[in-house]
Amino acid sequence: GCLANYLCFPPVVYSICTTPKEKMENLSCVFPFVYNGKLYFSCTTEGRRDGKRWCATTINYDLDKKWKFCPEELDDPTCVFPFIYKGKFYSVCTDEDMDNGKLWCSTSSNYDKDKKWQYCNVTGKQ
């Protein structure tokens, strides 16, 4: 799939099996997905006041409006691109203001507001 006419890649689909006692519904998250024009590589709390993590079940939530709450297996925060740090947009991990030279990223779309971050892996992606 292609997003914004320049970023193309195959989406990754994570399927979670349910037990017979659980409500039978499709719990497949598609990564990355677009929400409010931003690219998400993991479950997010963006747009929610209750802090519950969710994901899109199609590559473009903005178009399809299809989503699910994330199962715990997918609940680890990861990088959100682009993100805002000190008023500047970042679309990749950065070592900005890191004395140790390690790359980091925001785990929300706006670090300035949320102050949520983590170190990136060695490839600079999450």
PDB file of N, CA and C in Angstrom:
ATOM      1  N   GLY A   1       0.822  -1.173   0.000  1.00  0.00           N
ATOM      2  CA  GLY A   1       0.000   0.000   0.000  1.00  0.00           C
ATOM      3  C   GLY A   1       0.867   1.237   0.000  1.00  0.00           C
ATOM      4  N   CYS A   2       0.321   2.333  -0.458  1.00  0.00           N
ATOM      5  CA  CYS A   2       1.047   3.591  -0.481  1.00  0.00           C
ATOM      6  C   CYS A   2       0.289   4.631   0.326  1.00  0.00           C
ATOM      7  N   LEU A   3       1.031   5.439   1.052  1.00  0.00           N
ATOM      8  CA  LEU A   3       0.454   6.520   1.832  1.00  0.00           C
ATOM      9  C   LEU A   3       1.050   7.827   1.352  1.00  0.00           C
ATOM     10  N   ALA A   4       0.228   8.814   1.220  1.00  0.00           N
ATOM     11  CA  ALA A   4       0.663  10.161   0.847  1.00  0.00           C
ATOM     12  C   ALA A   4       1.452  10.169  -0.459  1.00  0.00           C
ATOM     13  N   ASN A   5       1.213   9.204  -1.329  1.00  0.00           N
ATOM     14  CA  ASN A   5       1.810   9.124  -2.662  1.00  0.00           C
ATOM     15  C   ASN A   5       3.328   9.017  -2.683  1.00  0.00           C
ATOM     16  N   TYR A   6       3.967   8.792  -1.538  1.00  0.00           N
ATOM     17  CA  TYR A   6       5.421   8.665  -1.556  1.00  0.00           C
ATOM     18  C   TYR A   6       5.947   7.586  -0.628  1.00  0.00           C
ATOM     19  N   LEU A   7       5.161   7.138   0.320  1.00  0.00           N
ATOM     20  CA  LEU A   7       5.629   6.141   1.267  1.00  0.00           C
ATOM     21  C   LEU A   7       4.909   4.832   0.984  1.00  0.00           C
ATOM     22  N   CYS A   8       5.628   3.857   0.410  1.00  0.00           N
ATOM     23  CA  CYS A   8       5.006   2.601   0.017  1.00  0.00           C
ATOM     24  C   CYS A   8       5.657   1.427   0.732  1.00  0.00           C
ATOM     25  N   PHE A   9       4.839   0.505   1.173  1.00  0.00           N
ATOM     26  CA  PHE A   9       5.321  -0.696   1.847  1.00  0.00           C
ATOM     27  C   PHE A   9       4.138  -1.629   2.028  1.00  0.00           C
ATOM     28  N   PRO A  10       4.404  -2.912   2.203  1.00  0.00           N
ATOM     29  CA  PRO A  10       3.285  -3.815   2.475  1.00  0.00           C
ATOM     30  C   PRO A  10       2.862  -3.683   3.933  1.00  0.00           C
ATOM     31  N   PRO A  11       1.566  -3.627   4.222  1.00  0.00           N
ATOM     32  CA  PRO A  11       1.131  -3.558   5.612  1.00  0.00           C
ATOM     33  C   PRO A  11       1.356  -4.884   6.320  1.00  0.00           C
ATOM     34  N   VAL A  12       1.556  -4.817   7.622  1.00  0.00           N
ATOM     35  CA  VAL A  12       1.722  -6.011   8.436  1.00  0.00           C
ATOM     36  C   VAL A  12       0.429  -6.218   9.204  1.00  0.00           C
ATOM     37  N   VAL A  13      -0.124  -7.410   9.152  1.00  0.00           N
ATOM     38  CA  VAL A  13      -1.372  -7.700   9.845  1.00  0.00           C
ATOM     39  C   VAL A  13      -1.088  -8.638  11.001  1.00  0.00           C
ATOM     40  N   TYR A  14      -1.537  -8.253  12.187  1.00  0.00           N
ATOM     41  CA  TYR A  14      -1.396  -9.092  13.364  1.00  0.00           C
ATOM     42  C   TYR A  14      -2.774  -9.638  13.715  1.00  0.00           C
ATOM     43  N   SER A  15      -2.923 -10.953  13.730  1.00  0.00           N
ATOM     44  CA  SER A  15      -4.189 -11.566  14.099  1.00  0.00           C
ATOM     45  C   SER A  15      -4.061 -12.189  15.474  1.00  0.00           C
ATOM     46  N   ILE A  16      -5.051 -11.982  16.295  1.00  0.00           N
ATOM     47  CA  ILE A  16      -5.073 -12.526  17.642  1.00  0.00           C
ATOM     48  C   ILE A  16      -6.236 -13.506  17.734  1.00  0.00           C
ATOM     49  N   CYS A  17      -5.939 -14.708  18.189  1.00  0.00           N
ATOM     50  CA  CYS A  17      -6.991 -15.715  18.333  1.00  0.00           C
ATOM     51  C   CYS A  17      -7.796 -15.443  19.598  1.00  0.00           C
ATOM     52  N   THR A  18      -9.062 -15.808  19.569  1.00  0.00           N
ATOM     53  CA  THR A  18      -9.912 -15.635  20.735  1.00  0.00           C
ATOM     54  C   THR A  18     -10.379 -16.992  21.232  1.00  0.00           C
ATOM     55  N   THR A  19     -10.745 -17.048  22.492  1.00  0.00           N
ATOM     56  CA  THR A  19     -11.296 -18.280  23.048  1.00  0.00           C
ATOM     57  C   THR A  19     -12.801 -18.264  22.840  1.00  0.00           C
ATOM     58  N   PRO A  20     -13.467 -19.420  22.931  1.00  0.00           N
ATOM     59  CA  PRO A  20     -14.922 -19.454  22.719  1.00  0.00           C
ATOM     60  C   PRO A  20     -15.696 -18.542  23.668  1.00  0.00           C
ATOM     61  N   LYS A  21     -15.160 -18.278  24.854  1.00  0.00           N
ATOM     62  CA  LYS A  21     -15.869 -17.435  25.815  1.00  0.00           C
ATOM     63  C   LYS A  21     -15.778 -15.957  25.463  1.00  0.00           C
ATOM     64  N   GLU A  22     -14.781 -15.590  24.674  1.00  0.00           N
ATOM     65  CA  GLU A  22     -14.628 -14.190  24.304  1.00  0.00           C
ATOM     66  C   GLU A  22     -15.607 -13.836  23.192  1.00  0.00           C
ATOM     67  N   LYS A  23     -15.931 -12.574  23.133  1.00  0.00           N
ATOM     68  CA  LYS A  23     -16.789 -12.094  22.059  1.00  0.00           C
ATOM     69  C   LYS A  23     -16.084 -12.352  20.734  1.00  0.00           C
ATOM     70  N   MET A  24     -16.761 -12.976  19.811  1.00  0.00           N
ATOM     71  CA  MET A  24     -16.141 -13.312  18.530  1.00  0.00           C
ATOM     72  C   MET A  24     -16.175 -12.089  17.615  1.00  0.00           C
ATOM     73  N   GLU A  25     -15.030 -11.506  17.426  1.00  0.00           N
ATOM     74  CA  GLU A  25     -14.923 -10.380  16.510  1.00  0.00           C
ATOM     75  C   GLU A  25     -13.522 -10.359  15.937  1.00  0.00           C
ATOM     76  N   ASN A  26     -13.364  -9.665  14.849  1.00  0.00           N
ATOM     77  CA  ASN A  26     -12.068  -9.584  14.195  1.00  0.00           C
ATOM     78  C   ASN A  26     -11.154  -8.676  15.013  1.00  0.00           C
ATOM     79  N   LEU A  27     -10.069  -9.230  15.533  1.00  0.00           N
ATOM     80  CA  LEU A  27      -9.128  -8.444  16.333  1.00  0.00           C
ATOM     81  C   LEU A  27      -7.814  -8.258  15.592  1.00  0.00           C
ATOM     82  N   SER A  28      -7.876  -7.965  14.303  1.00  0.00           N
ATOM     83  CA  SER A  28      -6.665  -7.795  13.507  1.00  0.00           C
ATOM     84  C   SER A  28      -6.289  -6.325  13.395  1.00  0.00           C
ATOM     85  N   CYS A  29      -5.065  -6.019  13.812  1.00  0.00           N
ATOM     86  CA  CYS A  29      -4.526  -4.672  13.650  1.00  0.00           C
ATOM     87  C   CYS A  29      -3.659  -4.649  12.401  1.00  0.00           C
ATOM     88  N   VAL A  30      -3.692  -3.552  11.688  1.00  0.00           N
ATOM     89  CA  VAL A  30      -2.842  -3.380  10.509  1.00  0.00           C
ATOM     90  C   VAL A  30      -1.825  -2.289  10.826  1.00  0.00           C
ATOM     91  N   PHE A  31      -0.549  -2.598  10.652  1.00  0.00           N
ATOM     92  CA  PHE A  31       0.527  -1.630  10.870  1.00  0.00           C
ATOM     93  C   PHE A  31       1.375  -1.521   9.618  1.00  0.00           C
ATOM     94  N   PRO A  32       1.801  -0.346   9.265  1.00  0.00           N
ATOM     95  CA  PRO A  32       1.386   0.915   9.861  1.00  0.00           C
ATOM     96  C   PRO A  32       0.004   1.312   9.373  1.00  0.00           C
ATOM     97  N   PHE A  33      -0.627   2.258  10.076  1.00  0.00           N
ATOM     98  CA  PHE A  33      -1.914   2.791   9.647  1.00  0.00           C
ATOM     99  C   PHE A  33      -1.888   4.309   9.777  1.00  0.00           C
ATOM    100  N   VAL A  34      -2.809   4.954   9.066  1.00  0.00           N
ATOM    101  CA  VAL A  34      -2.907   6.413   9.081  1.00  0.00           C
ATOM    102  C   VAL A  34      -4.081   6.821   9.961  1.00  0.00           C
ATOM    103  N   TYR A  35      -3.818   7.751  10.879  1.00  0.00           N
ATOM    104  CA  TYR A  35      -4.868   8.346  11.707  1.00  0.00           C
ATOM    105  C   TYR A  35      -4.593   9.846  11.786  1.00  0.00           C
ATOM    106  N   ASN A  36      -5.579  10.641  11.424  1.00  0.00           N
ATOM    107  CA  ASN A  36      -5.430  12.105  11.391  1.00  0.00           C
ATOM    108  C   ASN A  36      -4.204  12.541  10.599  1.00  0.00           C
ATOM    109  N   GLY A  37      -3.953  11.842   9.491  1.00  0.00           N
ATOM    110  CA  GLY A  37      -2.852  12.199   8.606  1.00  0.00           C
ATOM    111  C   GLY A  37      -1.480  11.793   9.097  1.00  0.00           C
ATOM    112  N   LYS A  38      -1.410  11.089  10.234  1.00  0.00           N
ATOM    113  CA  LYS A  38      -0.122  10.657  10.785  1.00  0.00           C
ATOM    114  C   LYS A  38      -0.003   9.145  10.671  1.00  0.00           C
ATOM    115  N   LEU A  39       1.234   8.688  10.567  1.00  0.00           N
ATOM    116  CA  LEU A  39       1.530   7.270  10.405  1.00  0.00           C
ATOM    117  C   LEU A  39       1.820   6.643  11.761  1.00  0.00           C
ATOM    118  N   TYR A  40       1.144   5.538  12.068  1.00  0.00           N
ATOM    119  CA  TYR A  40       1.333   4.828  13.336  1.00  0.00           C
ATOM    120  C   TYR A  40       1.832   3.421  13.068  1.00  0.00           C
ATOM    121  N   PHE A  41       2.892   3.036  13.780  1.00  0.00           N
ATOM    122  CA  PHE A  41       3.493   1.719  13.635  1.00  0.00           C
ATOM    123  C   PHE A  41       3.124   0.801  14.790  1.00  0.00           C
ATOM    124  N   SER A  42       2.257   1.256  15.663  1.00  0.00           N
ATOM    125  CA  SER A  42       1.856   0.462  16.822  1.00  0.00           C
ATOM    126  C   SER A  42       0.514   0.971  17.330  1.00  0.00           C
ATOM    127  N   CYS A  43      -0.020   0.292  18.318  1.00  0.00           N
ATOM    128  CA  CYS A  43      -1.243   0.742  18.966  1.00  0.00           C
ATOM    129  C   CYS A  43      -1.008   2.127  19.563  1.00  0.00           C
ATOM    130  N   THR A  44      -2.074   2.899  19.674  1.00  0.00           N
ATOM    131  CA  THR A  44      -1.949   4.270  20.146  1.00  0.00           C
ATOM    132  C   THR A  44      -3.099   4.628  21.075  1.00  0.00           C
ATOM    133  N   THR A  45      -2.903   5.671  21.856  1.00  0.00           N
ATOM    134  CA  THR A  45      -3.981   6.228  22.674  1.00  0.00           C
ATOM    135  C   THR A  45      -4.460   7.553  22.086  1.00  0.00           C
ATOM    136  N   GLU A  46      -3.870   7.961  20.971  1.00  0.00           N
ATOM    137  CA  GLU A  46      -4.243   9.231  20.335  1.00  0.00           C
ATOM    138  C   GLU A  46      -5.753   9.268  20.093  1.00  0.00           C
ATOM    139  N   GLY A  47      -6.363  10.407  20.390  1.00  0.00           N
ATOM    140  CA  GLY A  47      -7.783  10.590  20.146  1.00  0.00           C
ATOM    141  C   GLY A  47      -8.680  10.015  21.229  1.00  0.00           C
ATOM    142  N   ARG A  48      -8.095   9.430  22.269  1.00  0.00           N
ATOM    143  CA  ARG A  48      -8.887   8.835  23.351  1.00  0.00           C
ATOM    144  C   ARG A  48      -8.552   9.531  24.663  1.00  0.00           C
ATOM    145  N   ARG A  49      -9.563   9.734  25.485  1.00  0.00           N
ATOM    146  CA  ARG A  49      -9.336  10.341  26.802  1.00  0.00           C
ATOM    147  C   ARG A  49      -9.196   9.294  27.894  1.00  0.00           C
ATOM    148  N   ASP A  50      -9.581   8.051  27.603  1.00  0.00           N
ATOM    149  CA  ASP A  50      -9.561   7.003  28.630  1.00  0.00           C
ATOM    150  C   ASP A  50      -8.234   6.251  28.699  1.00  0.00           C
ATOM    151  N   GLY A  51      -7.282   6.576  27.810  1.00  0.00           N
ATOM    152  CA  GLY A  51      -5.977   5.931  27.851  1.00  0.00           C
ATOM    153  C   GLY A  51      -5.937   4.544  27.246  1.00  0.00           C
ATOM    154  N   LYS A  52      -7.060   4.074  26.707  1.00  0.00           N
ATOM    155  CA  LYS A  52      -7.080   2.737  26.103  1.00  0.00           C
ATOM    156  C   LYS A  52      -6.380   2.774  24.752  1.00  0.00           C
ATOM    157  N   ARG A  53      -5.570   1.747  24.504  1.00  0.00           N
ATOM    158  CA  ARG A  53      -4.817   1.664  23.252  1.00  0.00           C
ATOM    159  C   ARG A  53      -5.686   1.021  22.181  1.00  0.00           C
ATOM    160  N   TRP A  54      -5.556   1.523  20.959  1.00  0.00           N
ATOM    161  CA  TRP A  54      -6.342   1.019  19.843  1.00  0.00           C
ATOM    162  C   TRP A  54      -5.490   0.999  18.592  1.00  0.00           C
ATOM    163  N   CYS A  55      -6.011   0.341  17.564  1.00  0.00           N
ATOM    164  CA  CYS A  55      -5.334   0.292  16.264  1.00  0.00           C
ATOM    165  C   CYS A  55      -6.386   0.299  15.169  1.00  0.00           C
ATOM    166  N   ALA A  56      -5.958   0.626  13.976  1.00  0.00           N
ATOM    167  CA  ALA A  56      -6.845   0.548  12.817  1.00  0.00           C
ATOM    168  C   ALA A  56      -6.832  -0.876  12.284  1.00  0.00           C
ATOM    169  N   THR A  57      -7.942  -1.294  11.711  1.00  0.00           N
ATOM    170  CA  THR A  57      -8.013  -2.626  11.108  1.00  0.00           C
ATOM    171  C   THR A  57      -7.897  -2.545   9.592  1.00  0.00           C
ATOM    172  N   THR A  58      -7.620  -1.335   9.095  1.00  0.00           N
ATOM    173  CA  THR A  58      -7.268  -1.135   7.686  1.00  0.00           C
ATOM    174  C   THR A  58      -6.065  -0.197   7.676  1.00  0.00           C
ATOM    175  N   ILE A  59      -5.435  -0.054   6.526  1.00  0.00           N
ATOM    176  CA  ILE A  59      -4.226   0.770   6.451  1.00  0.00           C
ATOM    177  C   ILE A  59      -4.521   2.258   6.638  1.00  0.00           C
ATOM    178  N   ASN A  60      -5.783   2.684   6.436  1.00  0.00           N
ATOM    179  CA  ASN A  60      -6.102   4.103   6.526  1.00  0.00           C
ATOM    180  C   ASN A  60      -7.378   4.326   7.334  1.00  0.00           C
ATOM    181  N   TYR A  61      -7.222   4.596   8.620  1.00  0.00           N
ATOM    182  CA  TYR A  61      -8.380   4.865   9.474  1.00  0.00           C
ATOM    183  C   TYR A  61      -9.136   6.099   8.980  1.00  0.00           C
ATOM    184  N   ASP A  62      -8.415   7.109   8.522  1.00  0.00           N
ATOM    185  CA  ASP A  62      -9.057   8.344   8.081  1.00  0.00           C
ATOM    186  C   ASP A  62     -10.108   8.079   7.008  1.00  0.00           C
ATOM    187  N   LEU A  63      -9.826   7.137   6.121  1.00  0.00           N
ATOM    188  CA  LEU A  63     -10.759   6.786   5.051  1.00  0.00           C
ATOM    189  C   LEU A  63     -11.824   5.802   5.501  1.00  0.00           C
ATOM    190  N   ASP A  64     -11.406   4.755   6.227  1.00  0.00           N
ATOM    191  CA  ASP A  64     -12.296   3.627   6.508  1.00  0.00           C
ATOM    192  C   ASP A  64     -12.991   3.678   7.863  1.00  0.00           C
ATOM    193  N   LYS A  65     -12.421   4.391   8.820  1.00  0.00           N
ATOM    194  CA  LYS A  65     -12.989   4.500  10.175  1.00  0.00           C
ATOM    195  C   LYS A  65     -13.189   3.145  10.846  1.00  0.00           C
ATOM    196  N   LYS A  66     -12.289   2.200  10.572  1.00  0.00           N
ATOM    197  CA  LYS A  66     -12.389   0.863  11.167  1.00  0.00           C
ATOM    198  C   LYS A  66     -11.259   0.675  12.169  1.00  0.00           C
ATOM    199  N   TRP A  67     -11.604   0.223  13.380  1.00  0.00           N
ATOM    200  CA  TRP A  67     -10.605   0.099  14.436  1.00  0.00           C
ATOM    201  C   TRP A  67     -11.050  -0.921  15.466  1.00  0.00           C
ATOM    202  N   LYS A  68     -10.106  -1.276  16.345  1.00  0.00           N
ATOM    203  CA  LYS A  68     -10.356  -2.192  17.463  1.00  0.00           C
ATOM    204  C   LYS A  68      -9.480  -1.761  18.630  1.00  0.00           C
ATOM    205  N   PHE A  69      -9.892  -2.118  19.832  1.00  0.00           N
ATOM    206  CA  PHE A  69      -8.989  -1.967  20.972  1.00  0.00           C
ATOM    207  C   PHE A  69      -7.873  -2.973  20.804  1.00  0.00           C
ATOM    208  N   CYS A  70      -6.684  -2.624  21.252  1.00  0.00           N
ATOM    209  CA  CYS A  70      -5.538  -3.515  21.104  1.00  0.00           C
ATOM    210  C   CYS A  70      -5.522  -4.585  22.182  1.00  0.00           C
ATOM    211  N   PRO A  71      -5.213  -5.806  21.781  1.00  0.00           N
ATOM    212  CA  PRO A  71      -5.001  -6.851  22.783  1.00  0.00           C
ATOM    213  C   PRO A  71      -3.694  -6.574  23.514  1.00  0.00           C
ATOM    214  N   GLU A  72      -3.543  -7.135  24.697  1.00  0.00           N
ATOM    215  CA  GLU A  72      -2.352  -6.869  25.507  1.00  0.00           C
ATOM    216  C   GLU A  72      -1.063  -7.229  24.786  1.00  0.00           C
ATOM    217  N   GLU A  73      -1.104  -8.235  23.904  1.00  0.00           N
ATOM    218  CA  GLU A  73       0.106  -8.657  23.190  1.00  0.00           C
ATOM    219  C   GLU A  73       0.687  -7.530  22.350  1.00  0.00           C
ATOM    220  N   LEU A  74      -0.142  -6.569  21.960  1.00  0.00           N
ATOM    221  CA  LEU A  74       0.315  -5.468  21.110  1.00  0.00           C
ATOM    222  C   LEU A  74       0.396  -4.160  21.884  1.00  0.00           C
ATOM    223  N   ASP A  75       0.449  -4.238  23.200  1.00  0.00           N
ATOM    224  CA  ASP A  75       0.308  -3.053  24.029  1.00  0.00           C
ATOM    225  C   ASP A  75       1.608  -2.309  24.315  1.00  0.00           C
ATOM    226  N   ASP A  76       2.745  -2.793  23.834  1.00  0.00           N
ATOM    227  CA  ASP A  76       3.998  -2.092  24.087  1.00  0.00           C
ATOM    228  C   ASP A  76       4.076  -0.839  23.227  1.00  0.00           C
ATOM    229  N   PRO A  77       4.394   0.307  23.813  1.00  0.00           N
ATOM    230  CA  PRO A  77       4.479   1.529  23.015  1.00  0.00           C
ATOM    231  C   PRO A  77       5.661   1.486  22.052  1.00  0.00           C
ATOM    232  N   THR A  78       5.479   2.050  20.895  1.00  0.00           N
ATOM    233  CA  THR A  78       6.559   2.184  19.928  1.00  0.00           C
ATOM    234  C   THR A  78       6.510   3.584  19.332  1.00  0.00           C
ATOM    235  N   CYS A  79       7.448   3.851  18.459  1.00  0.00           N
ATOM    236  CA  CYS A  79       7.580   5.184  17.873  1.00  0.00           C
ATOM    237  C   CYS A  79       6.348   5.588  17.071  1.00  0.00           C
ATOM    238  N   VAL A  80       6.043   6.877  17.127  1.00  0.00           N
ATOM    239  CA  VAL A  80       4.997   7.471  16.299  1.00  0.00           C
ATOM    240  C   VAL A  80       5.681   8.508  15.415  1.00  0.00           C
ATOM    241  N   PHE A  81       5.489   8.390  14.103  1.00  0.00           N
ATOM    242  CA  PHE A  81       6.072   9.343  13.157  1.00  0.00           C
ATOM    243  C   PHE A  81       4.980   9.964  12.308  1.00  0.00           C
ATOM    244  N   PRO A  82       5.056  11.232  11.994  1.00  0.00           N
ATOM    245  CA  PRO A  82       6.020  12.173  12.554  1.00  0.00           C
ATOM    246  C   PRO A  82       5.630  12.558  13.981  1.00  0.00           C
ATOM    247  N   PHE A  83       6.613  13.064  14.736  1.00  0.00           N
ATOM    248  CA  PHE A  83       6.323  13.581  16.070  1.00  0.00           C
ATOM    249  C   PHE A  83       6.936  14.973  16.208  1.00  0.00           C
ATOM    250  N   ILE A  84       6.414  15.721  17.159  1.00  0.00           N
ATOM    251  CA  ILE A  84       6.888  17.085  17.397  1.00  0.00           C
ATOM    252  C   ILE A  84       7.773  17.100  18.634  1.00  0.00           C
ATOM    253  N   TYR A  85       8.977  17.676  18.491  1.00  0.00           N
ATOM    254  CA  TYR A  85       9.880  17.876  19.621  1.00  0.00           C
ATOM    255  C   TYR A  85      10.443  19.282  19.520  1.00  0.00           C
ATOM    256  N   LYS A  86      10.231  20.079  20.538  1.00  0.00           N
ATOM    257  CA  LYS A  86      10.661  21.480  20.551  1.00  0.00           C
ATOM    258  C   LYS A  86      10.158  22.226  19.316  1.00  0.00           C
ATOM    259  N   GLY A  87       8.906  21.953  18.952  1.00  0.00           N
ATOM    260  CA  GLY A  87       8.273  22.649  17.843  1.00  0.00           C
ATOM    261  C   GLY A  87       8.698  22.198  16.463  1.00  0.00           C
ATOM    262  N   LYS A  88       9.566  21.186  16.382  1.00  0.00           N
ATOM    263  CA  LYS A  88      10.060  20.700  15.091  1.00  0.00           C
ATOM    264  C   LYS A  88       9.505  19.299  14.825  1.00  0.00           C
ATOM    265  N   PHE A  89       9.170  19.020  13.567  1.00  0.00           N
ATOM    266  CA  PHE A  89       8.667  17.700  13.186  1.00  0.00           C
ATOM    267  C   PHE A  89       9.817  16.744  12.899  1.00  0.00           C
ATOM    268  N   TYR A  90       9.721  15.539  13.422  1.00  0.00           N
ATOM    269  CA  TYR A  90      10.700  14.480  13.172  1.00  0.00           C
ATOM    270  C   TYR A  90       9.985  13.294  12.544  1.00  0.00           C
ATOM    271  N   SER A  91      10.535  12.771  11.448  1.00  0.00           N
ATOM    272  CA  SER A  91       9.942  11.600  10.795  1.00  0.00           C
ATOM    273  C   SER A  91      10.825  10.366  10.944  1.00  0.00           C
ATOM    274  N   VAL A  92      11.929  10.508  11.659  1.00  0.00           N
ATOM    275  CA  VAL A  92      12.823   9.387  11.965  1.00  0.00           C
ATOM    276  C   VAL A  92      13.321   9.574  13.400  1.00  0.00           C
ATOM    277  N   CYS A  93      13.935   8.542  13.943  1.00  0.00           N
ATOM    278  CA  CYS A  93      14.535   8.643  15.272  1.00  0.00           C
ATOM    279  C   CYS A  93      15.636   9.701  15.251  1.00  0.00           C
ATOM    280  N   THR A  94      15.888  10.304  16.402  1.00  0.00           N
ATOM    281  CA  THR A  94      16.867  11.385  16.489  1.00  0.00           C
ATOM    282  C   THR A  94      17.741  11.219  17.733  1.00  0.00           C
ATOM    283  N   ASP A  95      18.918  11.852  17.713  1.00  0.00           N
ATOM    284  CA  ASP A  95      19.750  11.876  18.919  1.00  0.00           C
ATOM    285  C   ASP A  95      19.742  13.282  19.539  1.00  0.00           C
ATOM    286  N   GLU A  96      18.801  14.105  19.087  1.00  0.00           N
ATOM    287  CA  GLU A  96      18.656  15.477  19.580  1.00  0.00           C
ATOM    288  C   GLU A  96      18.595  15.517  21.107  1.00  0.00           C
ATOM    289  N   ASP A  97      19.480  16.303  21.720  1.00  0.00           N
ATOM    290  CA  ASP A  97      19.551  16.493  23.171  1.00  0.00           C
ATOM    291  C   ASP A  97      19.915  15.234  23.956  1.00  0.00           C
ATOM    292  N   MET A  98      20.476  14.234  23.298  1.00  0.00           N
ATOM    293  CA  MET A  98      20.936  13.021  23.988  1.00  0.00           C
ATOM    294  C   MET A  98      22.447  13.089  24.152  1.00  0.00           C
ATOM    295  N   ASP A  99      22.913  13.145  25.375  1.00  0.00           N
ATOM    296  CA  ASP A  99      24.355  13.197  25.637  1.00  0.00           C
ATOM    297  C   ASP A  99      25.052  11.891  25.285  1.00  0.00           C
ATOM    298  N   ASN A 100      24.303  10.786  25.308  1.00  0.00           N
ATOM    299  CA  ASN A 100      24.905   9.473  25.049  1.00  0.00           C
ATOM    300  C   ASN A 100      24.924   9.099  23.570  1.00  0.00           C
ATOM    301  N   GLY A 101      24.370   9.952  22.697  1.00  0.00           N
ATOM    302  CA  GLY A 101      24.377   9.681  21.268  1.00  0.00           C
ATOM    303  C   GLY A 101      23.368   8.649  20.810  1.00  0.00           C
ATOM    304  N   LYS A 102      22.555   8.126  21.734  1.00  0.00           N
ATOM    305  CA  LYS A 102      21.559   7.118  21.355  1.00  0.00           C
ATOM    306  C   LYS A 102      20.379   7.780  20.656  1.00  0.00           C
ATOM    307  N   LEU A 103      19.798   7.040  19.722  1.00  0.00           N
ATOM    308  CA  LEU A 103      18.622   7.522  19.009  1.00  0.00           C
ATOM    309  C   LEU A 103      17.377   7.289  19.854  1.00  0.00           C
ATOM    310  N   TRP A 104      16.431   8.212  19.753  1.00  0.00           N
ATOM    311  CA  TRP A 104      15.176   8.077  20.477  1.00  0.00           C
ATOM    312  C   TRP A 104      14.038   8.585  19.607  1.00  0.00           C
ATOM    313  N   CYS A 105      12.815   8.304  20.050  1.00  0.00           N
ATOM    314  CA  CYS A 105      11.626   8.786  19.349  1.00  0.00           C
ATOM    315  C   CYS A 105      10.532   9.044  20.371  1.00  0.00           C
ATOM    316  N   SER A 106       9.530   9.762  19.955  1.00  0.00           N
ATOM    317  CA  SER A 106       8.357   9.983  20.794  1.00  0.00           C
ATOM    318  C   SER A 106       7.393   8.819  20.593  1.00  0.00           C
ATOM    319  N   THR A 107       6.694   8.436  21.659  1.00  0.00           N
ATOM    320  CA  THR A 107       5.672   7.390  21.534  1.00  0.00           C
ATOM    321  C   THR A 107       4.282   8.013  21.438  1.00  0.00           C
ATOM    322  N   SER A 108       4.250   9.326  21.223  1.00  0.00           N
ATOM    323  CA  SER A 108       3.008  10.020  20.883  1.00  0.00           C
ATOM    324  C   SER A 108       3.353  10.997  19.766  1.00  0.00           C
ATOM    325  N   SER A 109       2.346  11.559  19.141  1.00  0.00           N
ATOM    326  CA  SER A 109       2.619  12.458  18.016  1.00  0.00           C
ATOM    327  C   SER A 109       3.167  13.810  18.465  1.00  0.00           C
ATOM    328  N   ASN A 110       3.070  14.115  19.756  1.00  0.00           N
ATOM    329  CA  ASN A 110       3.534  15.409  20.237  1.00  0.00           C
ATOM    330  C   ASN A 110       4.292  15.245  21.551  1.00  0.00           C
ATOM    331  N   TYR A 111       5.613  15.106  21.453  1.00  0.00           N
ATOM    332  CA  TYR A 111       6.434  14.973  22.658  1.00  0.00           C
ATOM    333  C   TYR A 111       6.319  16.226  23.530  1.00  0.00           C
ATOM    334  N   ASP A 112       6.256  17.393  22.898  1.00  0.00           N
ATOM    335  CA  ASP A 112       6.185  18.641  23.655  1.00  0.00           C
ATOM    336  C   ASP A 112       5.012  18.633  24.633  1.00  0.00           C
ATOM    337  N   LYS A 113       3.906  18.023  24.228  1.00  0.00           N
ATOM    338  CA  LYS A 113       2.712  17.972  25.065  1.00  0.00           C
ATOM    339  C   LYS A 113       2.727  16.769  26.008  1.00  0.00           C
ATOM    340  N   ASP A 114       3.079  15.589  25.490  1.00  0.00           N
ATOM    341  CA  ASP A 114       2.915  14.343  26.247  1.00  0.00           C
ATOM    342  C   ASP A 114       4.154  13.873  27.002  1.00  0.00           C
ATOM    343  N   LYS A 115       5.334  14.299  26.553  1.00  0.00           N
ATOM    344  CA  LYS A 115       6.605  13.898  27.192  1.00  0.00           C
ATOM    345  C   LYS A 115       6.794  12.380  27.245  1.00  0.00           C
ATOM    346  N   LYS A 116       6.309  11.662  26.229  1.00  0.00           N
ATOM    347  CA  LYS A 116       6.454  10.203  26.172  1.00  0.00           C
ATOM    348  C   LYS A 116       7.486   9.846  25.113  1.00  0.00           C
ATOM    349  N   TRP A 117       8.465   9.004  25.489  1.00  0.00           N
ATOM    350  CA  TRP A 117       9.512   8.649  24.533  1.00  0.00           C
ATOM    351  C   TRP A 117      10.124   7.309  24.885  1.00  0.00           C
ATOM    352  N   GLN A 118      10.953   6.811  23.966  1.00  0.00           N
ATOM    353  CA  GLN A 118      11.726   5.593  24.207  1.00  0.00           C
ATOM    354  C   GLN A 118      12.932   5.598  23.286  1.00  0.00           C
ATOM    355  N   TYR A 119      13.921   4.770  23.624  1.00  0.00           N
ATOM    356  CA  TYR A 119      15.070   4.612  22.738  1.00  0.00           C
ATOM    357  C   TYR A 119      14.659   3.822  21.509  1.00  0.00           C
ATOM    358  N   CYS A 120      15.279   4.133  20.384  1.00  0.00           N
ATOM    359  CA  CYS A 120      15.052   3.391  19.144  1.00  0.00           C
ATOM    360  C   CYS A 120      16.026   2.225  19.079  1.00  0.00           C
ATOM    361  N   ASN A 121      15.695   1.239  18.251  1.00  0.00           N
ATOM    362  CA  ASN A 121      16.643   0.144  18.058  1.00  0.00           C
ATOM    363  C   ASN A 121      17.768   0.612  17.147  1.00  0.00           C
ATOM    364  N   VAL A 122      18.754  -0.221  16.907  1.00  0.00           N
ATOM    365  CA  VAL A 122      19.966   0.196  16.195  1.00  0.00           C
ATOM    366  C   VAL A 122      19.729   0.629  14.763  1.00  0.00           C
ATOM    367  N   THR A 123      18.647   0.190  14.129  1.00  0.00           N
ATOM    368  CA  THR A 123      18.404   0.577  12.741  1.00  0.00           C
ATOM    369  C   THR A 123      17.771   1.959  12.643  1.00  0.00           C
ATOM    370  N   GLY A 124      17.378   2.539  13.776  1.00  0.00           N
ATOM    371  CA  GLY A 124      16.752   3.858  13.742  1.00  0.00           C
ATOM    372  C   GLY A 124      15.270   3.809  13.491  1.00  0.00           C
ATOM    373  N   LYS A 125      14.709   2.607  13.432  1.00  0.00           N
ATOM    374  CA  LYS A 125      13.266   2.447  13.256  1.00  0.00           C
ATOM    375  C   LYS A 125      12.731   1.674  14.443  1.00  0.00           C
ATOM    376  N   GLN A 126      11.441   1.731  14.613  1.00  0.00           N
ATOM    377  CA  GLN A 126      10.839   0.959  15.699  1.00  0.00           C
ATOM    378  C   GLN A 126       9.784   0.052  15.145  1.00  0.00           C
TER     379      GLN A 126
END
